[in-house]
């Protein structure tokens, strides 16, 4: 599915990001990645920070193409991840891994499943 198709079905919206907003989101992604590397905090918190960084990068890719996810629609994280091939040239196998991390994040956040060291390592990579 193309970005234009996702726009047509209202999974994406057009968006003209201001340079200052792009800088803020990029800096937030950098801070989250740094936080994810702090070994003195729990794997769950480190995973949350790593996942947040990935999502912020996915948003930056969309913004660079003139889009953003439609947060009023369910599945906006999934949409952002699935767009990475179009926006940043991410390989399909990496998108599959990121989508699995999205599902793990949902289980952790909404059902309390703990994050393993292996899952954390995958998120950090």
C-alpha atoms as a PDB file:
ATOM      1  CA  UNK A   1       0.000   0.000   0.000  1.00  0.00           C
ATOM      2  CA  UNK A   2       1.335   3.442  -0.896  1.00  0.00           C
ATOM      3  CA  UNK A   3       1.351   6.566   1.251  1.00  0.00           C
ATOM      4  CA  UNK A   4      -1.246   8.033  -1.085  1.00  0.00           C
ATOM      5  CA  UNK A   5      -3.515   5.007  -0.529  1.00  0.00           C
ATOM      6  CA  UNK A   6      -3.156   5.401   3.233  1.00  0.00           C
ATOM      7  CA  UNK A   7      -4.067   9.074   2.858  1.00  0.00           C
ATOM      8  CA  UNK A   8      -7.155   8.122   0.840  1.00  0.00           C
ATOM      9  CA  UNK A   9      -8.380   5.736   3.555  1.00  0.00           C
ATOM     10  CA  UNK A  10      -7.599   8.328   6.253  1.00  0.00           C
ATOM     11  CA  UNK A  11      -4.821   6.368   7.962  1.00  0.00           C
ATOM     12  CA  UNK A  12      -2.534   9.309   7.112  1.00  0.00           C
ATOM     13  CA  UNK A  13      -3.051  13.051   7.003  1.00  0.00           C
ATOM     14  CA  UNK A  14      -1.074  15.669   5.138  1.00  0.00           C
ATOM     15  CA  UNK A  15       1.338  17.507   7.391  1.00  0.00           C
ATOM     16  CA  UNK A  16       3.828  20.302   6.877  1.00  0.00           C
ATOM     17  CA  UNK A  17       6.267  20.054   9.769  1.00  0.00           C
ATOM     18  CA  UNK A  18       8.070  23.190  10.848  1.00  0.00           C
ATOM     19  CA  UNK A  19      11.874  22.931  11.092  1.00  0.00           C
ATOM     20  CA  UNK A  20      11.716  23.678  14.826  1.00  0.00           C
ATOM     21  CA  UNK A  21       9.237  20.838  15.355  1.00  0.00           C
ATOM     22  CA  UNK A  22      11.480  18.453  13.427  1.00  0.00           C
ATOM     23  CA  UNK A  23      14.452  19.440  15.588  1.00  0.00           C
ATOM     24  CA  UNK A  24      12.440  18.946  18.797  1.00  0.00           C
ATOM     25  CA  UNK A  25      11.240  15.490  17.756  1.00  0.00           C
ATOM     26  CA  UNK A  26      14.729  14.454  16.651  1.00  0.00           C
ATOM     27  CA  UNK A  27      16.175  15.617  19.976  1.00  0.00           C
ATOM     28  CA  UNK A  28      13.427  13.728  21.838  1.00  0.00           C
ATOM     29  CA  UNK A  29      14.335  10.573  19.898  1.00  0.00           C
ATOM     30  CA  UNK A  30      17.988  11.054  20.846  1.00  0.00           C
ATOM     31  CA  UNK A  31      17.072  11.502  24.517  1.00  0.00           C
ATOM     32  CA  UNK A  32      14.917   8.380  24.466  1.00  0.00           C
ATOM     33  CA  UNK A  33      17.689   6.350  22.874  1.00  0.00           C
ATOM     34  CA  UNK A  34      20.113   7.583  25.536  1.00  0.00           C
ATOM     35  CA  UNK A  35      17.614   6.677  28.260  1.00  0.00           C
ATOM     36  CA  UNK A  36      17.170   3.212  26.740  1.00  0.00           C
ATOM     37  CA  UNK A  37      20.887   2.609  27.203  1.00  0.00           C
ATOM     38  CA  UNK A  38      20.883   3.397  30.947  1.00  0.00           C
ATOM     39  CA  UNK A  39      21.545   0.008  32.490  1.00  0.00           C
ATOM     40  CA  UNK A  40      20.543   1.004  36.026  1.00  0.00           C
ATOM     41  CA  UNK A  41      16.830   1.178  35.168  1.00  0.00           C
ATOM     42  CA  UNK A  42      14.462  -1.705  34.482  1.00  0.00           C
ATOM     43  CA  UNK A  43      14.295  -3.546  31.180  1.00  0.00           C
ATOM     44  CA  UNK A  44      10.649  -2.462  30.902  1.00  0.00           C
ATOM     45  CA  UNK A  45      11.517   1.243  31.150  1.00  0.00           C
ATOM     46  CA  UNK A  46      14.483   0.872  28.818  1.00  0.00           C
ATOM     47  CA  UNK A  47      12.273  -0.939  26.296  1.00  0.00           C
ATOM     48  CA  UNK A  48       9.654   1.821  26.521  1.00  0.00           C
ATOM     49  CA  UNK A  49      12.309   4.430  25.758  1.00  0.00           C
ATOM     50  CA  UNK A  50      13.740   2.414  22.842  1.00  0.00           C
ATOM     51  CA  UNK A  51      10.276   1.832  21.382  1.00  0.00           C
ATOM     52  CA  UNK A  52       9.413   5.512  21.777  1.00  0.00           C
ATOM     53  CA  UNK A  53      12.600   6.423  19.907  1.00  0.00           C
ATOM     54  CA  UNK A  54      11.653   4.103  17.046  1.00  0.00           C
ATOM     55  CA  UNK A  55       8.182   5.637  16.850  1.00  0.00           C
ATOM     56  CA  UNK A  56       9.594   9.166  16.880  1.00  0.00           C
ATOM     57  CA  UNK A  57      11.916   8.231  14.009  1.00  0.00           C
ATOM     58  CA  UNK A  58       8.992   6.718  12.110  1.00  0.00           C
ATOM     59  CA  UNK A  59       7.091   9.975  12.596  1.00  0.00           C
ATOM     60  CA  UNK A  60      10.071  11.953  11.313  1.00  0.00           C
ATOM     61  CA  UNK A  61      10.086   9.814   8.175  1.00  0.00           C
ATOM     62  CA  UNK A  62       6.419  10.546   7.599  1.00  0.00           C
ATOM     63  CA  UNK A  63       6.887  14.245   8.281  1.00  0.00           C
ATOM     64  CA  UNK A  64       9.729  14.386   5.747  1.00  0.00           C
ATOM     65  CA  UNK A  65       7.287  13.058   3.116  1.00  0.00           C
ATOM     66  CA  UNK A  66       4.531  15.505   4.090  1.00  0.00           C
ATOM     67  CA  UNK A  67       2.378  13.164   6.184  1.00  0.00           C
ATOM     68  CA  UNK A  68       1.546  12.175   9.735  1.00  0.00           C
ATOM     69  CA  UNK A  69      -0.527   9.349  11.112  1.00  0.00           C
ATOM     70  CA  UNK A  70      -4.165   9.969  11.828  1.00  0.00           C
ATOM     71  CA  UNK A  71      -4.197   9.526  15.599  1.00  0.00           C
ATOM     72  CA  UNK A  72      -7.989   9.490  15.601  1.00  0.00           C
ATOM     73  CA  UNK A  73      -7.813   6.160  13.759  1.00  0.00           C
ATOM     74  CA  UNK A  74      -6.920   2.948  15.585  1.00  0.00           C
ATOM     75  CA  UNK A  75      -3.541   1.428  14.777  1.00  0.00           C
ATOM     76  CA  UNK A  76      -1.562   4.610  14.189  1.00  0.00           C
ATOM     77  CA  UNK A  77       1.619   3.035  15.604  1.00  0.00           C
ATOM     78  CA  UNK A  78       1.219   0.096  13.241  1.00  0.00           C
ATOM     79  CA  UNK A  79       0.640   2.459  10.324  1.00  0.00           C
ATOM     80  CA  UNK A  80       3.780   4.461  11.127  1.00  0.00           C
ATOM     81  CA  UNK A  81       5.865   1.287  11.303  1.00  0.00           C
ATOM     82  CA  UNK A  82       4.435  -0.124   8.094  1.00  0.00           C
ATOM     83  CA  UNK A  83       5.252   3.128   6.269  1.00  0.00           C
ATOM     84  CA  UNK A  84       8.974   2.892   7.070  1.00  0.00           C
ATOM     85  CA  UNK A  85       9.716   1.121   3.805  1.00  0.00           C
ATOM     86  CA  UNK A  86       8.251   4.064   1.886  1.00  0.00           C
ATOM     87  CA  UNK A  87       9.569   6.853   4.087  1.00  0.00           C
ATOM     88  CA  UNK A  88      13.027   5.685   5.135  1.00  0.00           C
ATOM     89  CA  UNK A  89      13.804   2.662   2.992  1.00  0.00           C
ATOM     90  CA  UNK A  90      13.658   0.236   5.928  1.00  0.00           C
ATOM     91  CA  UNK A  91      13.850  -3.392   4.804  1.00  0.00           C
ATOM     92  CA  UNK A  92      10.742  -5.570   5.096  1.00  0.00           C
ATOM     93  CA  UNK A  93      12.403  -7.937   7.577  1.00  0.00           C
ATOM     94  CA  UNK A  94      13.226  -4.999   9.874  1.00  0.00           C
ATOM     95  CA  UNK A  95       9.643  -3.756   9.643  1.00  0.00           C
ATOM     96  CA  UNK A  96       8.481  -7.212  10.762  1.00  0.00           C
ATOM     97  CA  UNK A  97      10.772  -6.982  13.802  1.00  0.00           C
ATOM     98  CA  UNK A  98       9.547  -3.476  14.632  1.00  0.00           C
ATOM     99  CA  UNK A  99       5.943  -4.626  14.364  1.00  0.00           C
ATOM    100  CA  UNK A 100       6.683  -7.521  16.744  1.00  0.00           C
ATOM    101  CA  UNK A 101       8.164  -4.971  19.169  1.00  0.00           C
ATOM    102  CA  UNK A 102       4.966  -2.933  18.821  1.00  0.00           C
ATOM    103  CA  UNK A 103       2.915  -5.968  19.807  1.00  0.00           C
ATOM    104  CA  UNK A 104       5.266  -6.637  22.745  1.00  0.00           C
ATOM    105  CA  UNK A 105       4.873  -3.029  23.840  1.00  0.00           C
ATOM    106  CA  UNK A 106       1.091  -3.454  23.851  1.00  0.00           C
ATOM    107  CA  UNK A 107       1.350  -6.608  25.984  1.00  0.00           C
ATOM    108  CA  UNK A 108       3.716  -4.879  28.375  1.00  0.00           C
ATOM    109  CA  UNK A 109       1.676  -1.682  28.659  1.00  0.00           C
ATOM    110  CA  UNK A 110      -1.817  -3.147  28.750  1.00  0.00           C
ATOM    111  CA  UNK A 111      -1.342  -6.584  30.299  1.00  0.00           C
ATOM    112  CA  UNK A 112       1.763  -6.101  32.424  1.00  0.00           C
ATOM    113  CA  UNK A 113       3.916  -8.652  30.590  1.00  0.00           C
ATOM    114  CA  UNK A 114       7.555  -8.146  31.585  1.00  0.00           C
ATOM    115  CA  UNK A 115      10.127  -7.315  28.931  1.00  0.00           C
ATOM    116  CA  UNK A 116      12.931  -9.844  28.574  1.00  0.00           C
ATOM    117  CA  UNK A 117      16.561  -8.876  28.122  1.00  0.00           C
ATOM    118  CA  UNK A 118      16.403 -10.422  24.629  1.00  0.00           C
ATOM    119  CA  UNK A 119      13.444  -8.231  23.656  1.00  0.00           C
ATOM    120  CA  UNK A 120      15.214  -5.184  25.067  1.00  0.00           C
ATOM    121  CA  UNK A 121      18.341  -6.043  23.094  1.00  0.00           C
ATOM    122  CA  UNK A 122      16.255  -6.340  19.913  1.00  0.00           C
ATOM    123  CA  UNK A 123      14.648  -2.949  20.564  1.00  0.00           C
ATOM    124  CA  UNK A 124      18.040  -1.360  21.146  1.00  0.00           C
ATOM    125  CA  UNK A 125      19.477  -2.819  17.960  1.00  0.00           C
END
